[in-house]
Protein backbone atom coordinates (compact mmCIF):
# COMPACT_ATOMS: atom_id res chain seq x y z
CA MET A 1 75.66 113.33 110.40
CA ILE A 2 79.00 115.09 110.43
CA SER A 3 78.95 118.71 109.17
CA ARG A 4 81.00 119.86 106.19
CA GLU A 5 83.28 121.82 108.50
CA GLU A 6 83.89 118.71 110.65
CA ALA A 7 84.49 116.64 107.51
CA ILE A 8 87.10 119.17 106.29
CA GLU A 9 88.84 118.99 109.69
CA LEU A 10 88.86 115.19 109.49
CA LEU A 11 90.23 115.28 105.95
CA ASN A 12 93.02 117.63 106.96
CA LYS A 13 93.91 115.24 109.77
CA TYR A 14 94.27 112.22 107.46
CA LEU A 15 95.19 113.69 104.07
CA LYS A 16 98.32 115.79 103.65
CA ASP A 17 98.81 115.68 99.88
CA GLU A 18 97.29 118.78 98.28
CA GLU A 19 96.08 116.94 95.18
CA ASN A 20 94.22 114.37 97.31
CA LEU A 21 92.49 117.21 99.15
CA LYS A 22 91.55 118.86 95.83
CA LYS A 23 90.12 115.58 94.54
CA ALA A 24 88.06 115.21 97.72
CA VAL A 25 86.50 118.65 97.29
CA ALA A 26 86.00 117.95 93.58
CA ALA A 27 84.16 114.72 94.42
CA GLU A 28 81.99 116.62 96.88
CA ALA A 29 81.01 119.22 94.29
CA ILE A 30 80.09 116.66 91.65
CA MET A 31 78.24 114.44 94.14
CA ARG A 32 76.13 117.43 95.21
CA ARG A 33 75.27 118.20 91.58
CA ILE A 34 74.34 114.58 90.84
CA ALA A 35 72.24 114.40 94.03
CA ASN A 36 70.44 117.56 92.97
CA ARG A 37 69.82 116.14 89.49
CA LEU A 38 68.35 112.96 91.06
CA ASN A 39 66.45 114.79 93.83
CA ARG A 40 68.51 113.10 96.53
CA ASP A 41 70.05 114.35 99.79
CA GLN A 42 72.74 116.78 98.60
CA GLU A 43 74.33 117.04 102.04
CA LEU A 44 74.74 113.26 102.43
CA TRP A 45 76.00 112.82 98.89
CA GLY A 46 78.37 115.80 99.20
CA ILE A 47 79.92 114.71 102.50
CA THR A 48 80.22 111.16 101.16
CA GLY A 49 82.16 112.51 98.17
CA LEU A 50 84.30 114.66 100.42
CA LEU A 51 85.30 111.75 102.67
CA HIS A 52 85.51 109.06 99.99
CA ASN A 53 89.29 108.81 100.03
CA ILE A 54 90.04 109.67 103.64
CA ASP A 55 92.18 106.56 104.08
CA TYR A 56 94.08 106.83 100.78
CA GLU A 57 97.42 108.01 102.16
CA TYR A 58 97.39 105.24 104.76
CA THR A 59 96.41 102.47 102.36
CA GLU A 60 98.20 103.50 99.18
CA GLU A 61 100.65 100.61 99.52
CA ASN A 62 97.91 98.19 100.67
CA PRO A 63 94.89 98.77 98.42
CA GLU A 64 93.11 95.78 99.92
CA GLU A 65 92.67 97.83 103.11
CA ARG A 66 91.18 100.85 101.32
CA GLY A 67 87.57 101.32 102.27
CA SER A 68 87.88 99.13 105.35
CA LEU A 69 89.99 101.74 107.13
CA SER A 70 87.56 104.45 105.98
CA TYR A 71 84.78 102.35 107.46
CA GLN A 72 86.51 102.45 110.85
CA LEU A 73 87.14 106.20 110.62
CA ILE A 74 83.67 107.34 109.57
CA THR A 75 81.19 104.85 111.00
CA GLY A 76 78.82 106.83 113.16
CA LEU A 77 79.72 110.08 111.41
CA LEU A 78 77.74 109.35 108.24
CA PRO A 79 74.56 107.40 107.65
CA ASP A 80 75.10 103.83 106.47
CA ALA A 81 74.35 104.82 102.86
CA GLY A 82 77.40 107.11 102.82
CA VAL A 83 79.67 104.66 104.63
CA ASN A 84 78.64 101.86 102.29
CA ALA A 85 79.17 104.02 99.19
CA ILE A 86 82.71 104.77 100.35
CA MET A 87 83.38 101.08 100.93
CA GLY A 88 81.86 100.39 97.51
CA THR A 89 84.57 102.39 95.76
CA ASN A 90 86.91 99.50 96.59
CA TYR A 91 84.37 96.73 96.11
CA VAL A 92 87.07 94.36 94.88
CA TYR A 93 88.45 94.14 98.44
CA THR A 94 85.56 95.15 100.69
CA GLU A 95 82.53 93.04 101.38
CA TYR A 96 80.17 95.75 100.15
CA VAL A 97 78.74 95.33 96.66
CA PRO A 98 77.73 98.70 95.14
CA VAL A 99 74.05 98.57 94.22
CA ARG A 100 72.54 101.92 95.21
CA SER A 101 72.59 105.12 93.20
CA ILE A 102 74.95 106.81 95.65
CA ASP A 103 77.38 103.87 95.34
CA LYS A 104 77.47 103.90 91.56
CA ALA A 105 77.64 107.69 91.34
CA LEU A 106 80.64 107.80 93.66
CA ILE A 107 82.49 105.10 91.72
CA ALA A 108 81.82 106.94 88.44
CA ILE A 109 82.86 110.27 89.93
CA VAL A 110 86.15 108.98 91.35
CA SER A 111 87.17 107.64 87.94
CA LEU A 112 86.02 110.78 86.13
CA ILE A 113 87.98 113.02 88.49
CA LYS A 114 91.09 110.97 87.74
CA LEU A 115 90.52 111.61 84.00
CA ILE A 116 89.76 115.31 84.43
CA PHE A 117 92.85 115.92 86.55
CA LYS A 118 94.95 114.14 83.93
CA ILE A 119 93.50 116.40 81.23
CA ILE A 120 94.08 119.51 83.35
CA LYS A 121 97.75 118.58 83.75
CA SER A 122 98.07 118.31 79.96
CA THR A 123 96.83 121.87 79.32
CA SER A 124 99.34 124.68 79.11
CA SER A 125 97.57 126.68 81.84
CA GLN A 126 96.81 123.61 83.97
CA LYS A 127 93.40 125.12 84.70
CA ILE A 128 89.94 123.58 84.45
CA SER A 129 88.76 126.67 82.58
CA ASP A 130 90.72 125.45 79.55
CA VAL A 131 89.03 122.03 79.51
CA GLU A 132 86.11 121.99 77.11
CA LEU A 133 83.34 119.40 77.05
CA PRO A 134 84.17 118.05 73.56
CA VAL A 135 87.77 117.42 74.63
CA LEU A 136 86.64 115.71 77.82
CA TYR A 137 84.24 113.51 75.87
CA GLU A 138 86.92 112.68 73.30
CA LYS A 139 89.41 111.69 76.03
CA PHE A 140 86.72 109.67 77.80
CA LYS A 141 86.14 107.62 74.63
CA ASP A 142 89.88 107.19 73.92
CA THR A 143 91.07 103.93 75.51
CA THR A 144 94.66 104.93 74.80
CA TYR A 145 94.14 107.89 77.15
CA ILE A 146 91.89 106.39 79.81
CA GLU A 147 92.09 102.92 81.30
CA LEU A 148 89.25 100.66 80.17
CA SER A 149 88.42 99.89 83.82
CA ASP A 150 87.96 103.61 84.55
CA GLN A 151 85.87 104.01 81.41
CA LYS A 152 83.60 101.20 82.59
CA LYS A 153 83.35 102.68 86.08
CA ILE A 154 82.33 106.03 84.61
CA GLY A 155 79.74 104.12 82.59
CA LEU A 156 78.03 103.10 85.84
CA ILE A 157 76.39 106.51 85.74
CA ASN A 158 74.03 105.08 83.11
CA ASP A 159 72.67 102.70 85.77
CA ILE A 160 71.24 105.64 87.70
CA GLY A 161 69.50 107.32 84.80
CA ILE A 162 72.12 109.81 83.66
CA ASN A 163 73.84 109.38 80.31
CA GLU A 164 77.58 109.84 80.00
CA GLN A 165 77.45 113.12 78.07
CA GLU A 166 75.18 114.71 80.66
CA PHE A 167 77.40 113.37 83.44
CA LEU A 168 80.52 114.83 81.87
CA LYS A 169 78.80 118.22 81.49
CA ILE A 170 77.45 118.23 85.05
CA SER A 171 80.89 117.30 86.38
CA LEU A 172 82.83 119.80 84.30
CA ASP A 173 80.41 122.60 85.25
CA ALA A 174 80.69 121.67 88.95
CA LEU A 175 84.48 121.79 88.85
CA LYS A 176 84.58 125.05 86.94
CA GLU A 177 82.29 126.55 89.59
CA ILE A 178 84.68 125.62 92.43
CA SER A 179 87.93 126.12 90.49
CA ASN A 180 89.03 129.06 92.66
CA GLU A 181 88.36 127.11 95.84
CA ILE A 182 90.62 124.23 94.83
CA ASP A 183 92.97 126.14 92.51
CA ILE A 184 92.49 124.10 89.37
């Protein structure tokens, strides 16, 4: 399996937008925490989170290709479970149906990161330190603030034995821990 350092090099080769890089590192941090909570392989889950959107800047205009291009870029670098989870984030267009815990966790995490970054941008400081769990939970429940499809994707976390409130706390704590690293 590819090392974290090699994964970072690969990300920097394919992602140039700073926010996309921050979201990749955020996904890694949360995936590691969820893996730890479920007693799963933290390295595999972390690297999978890190590389989940490696093809985004190349497929932004063609979302039907997202996941398939990632598949080409990372096959052989990650075990099949990681590759499949990444393809599963775009299950509408890929042939992979997300069924495993790693698949569902990654889908939930991607949608939650989108919500958290939106909340961060709405704070005066634009820092994760000013995002409190009750506010995050309130925004998660507010369908005028979050798209219903993202809310449902976040809800997939229930399928792997973690309730939404615990998931939001785990995720917020993970991002606060790495806030200096990704400047949020």
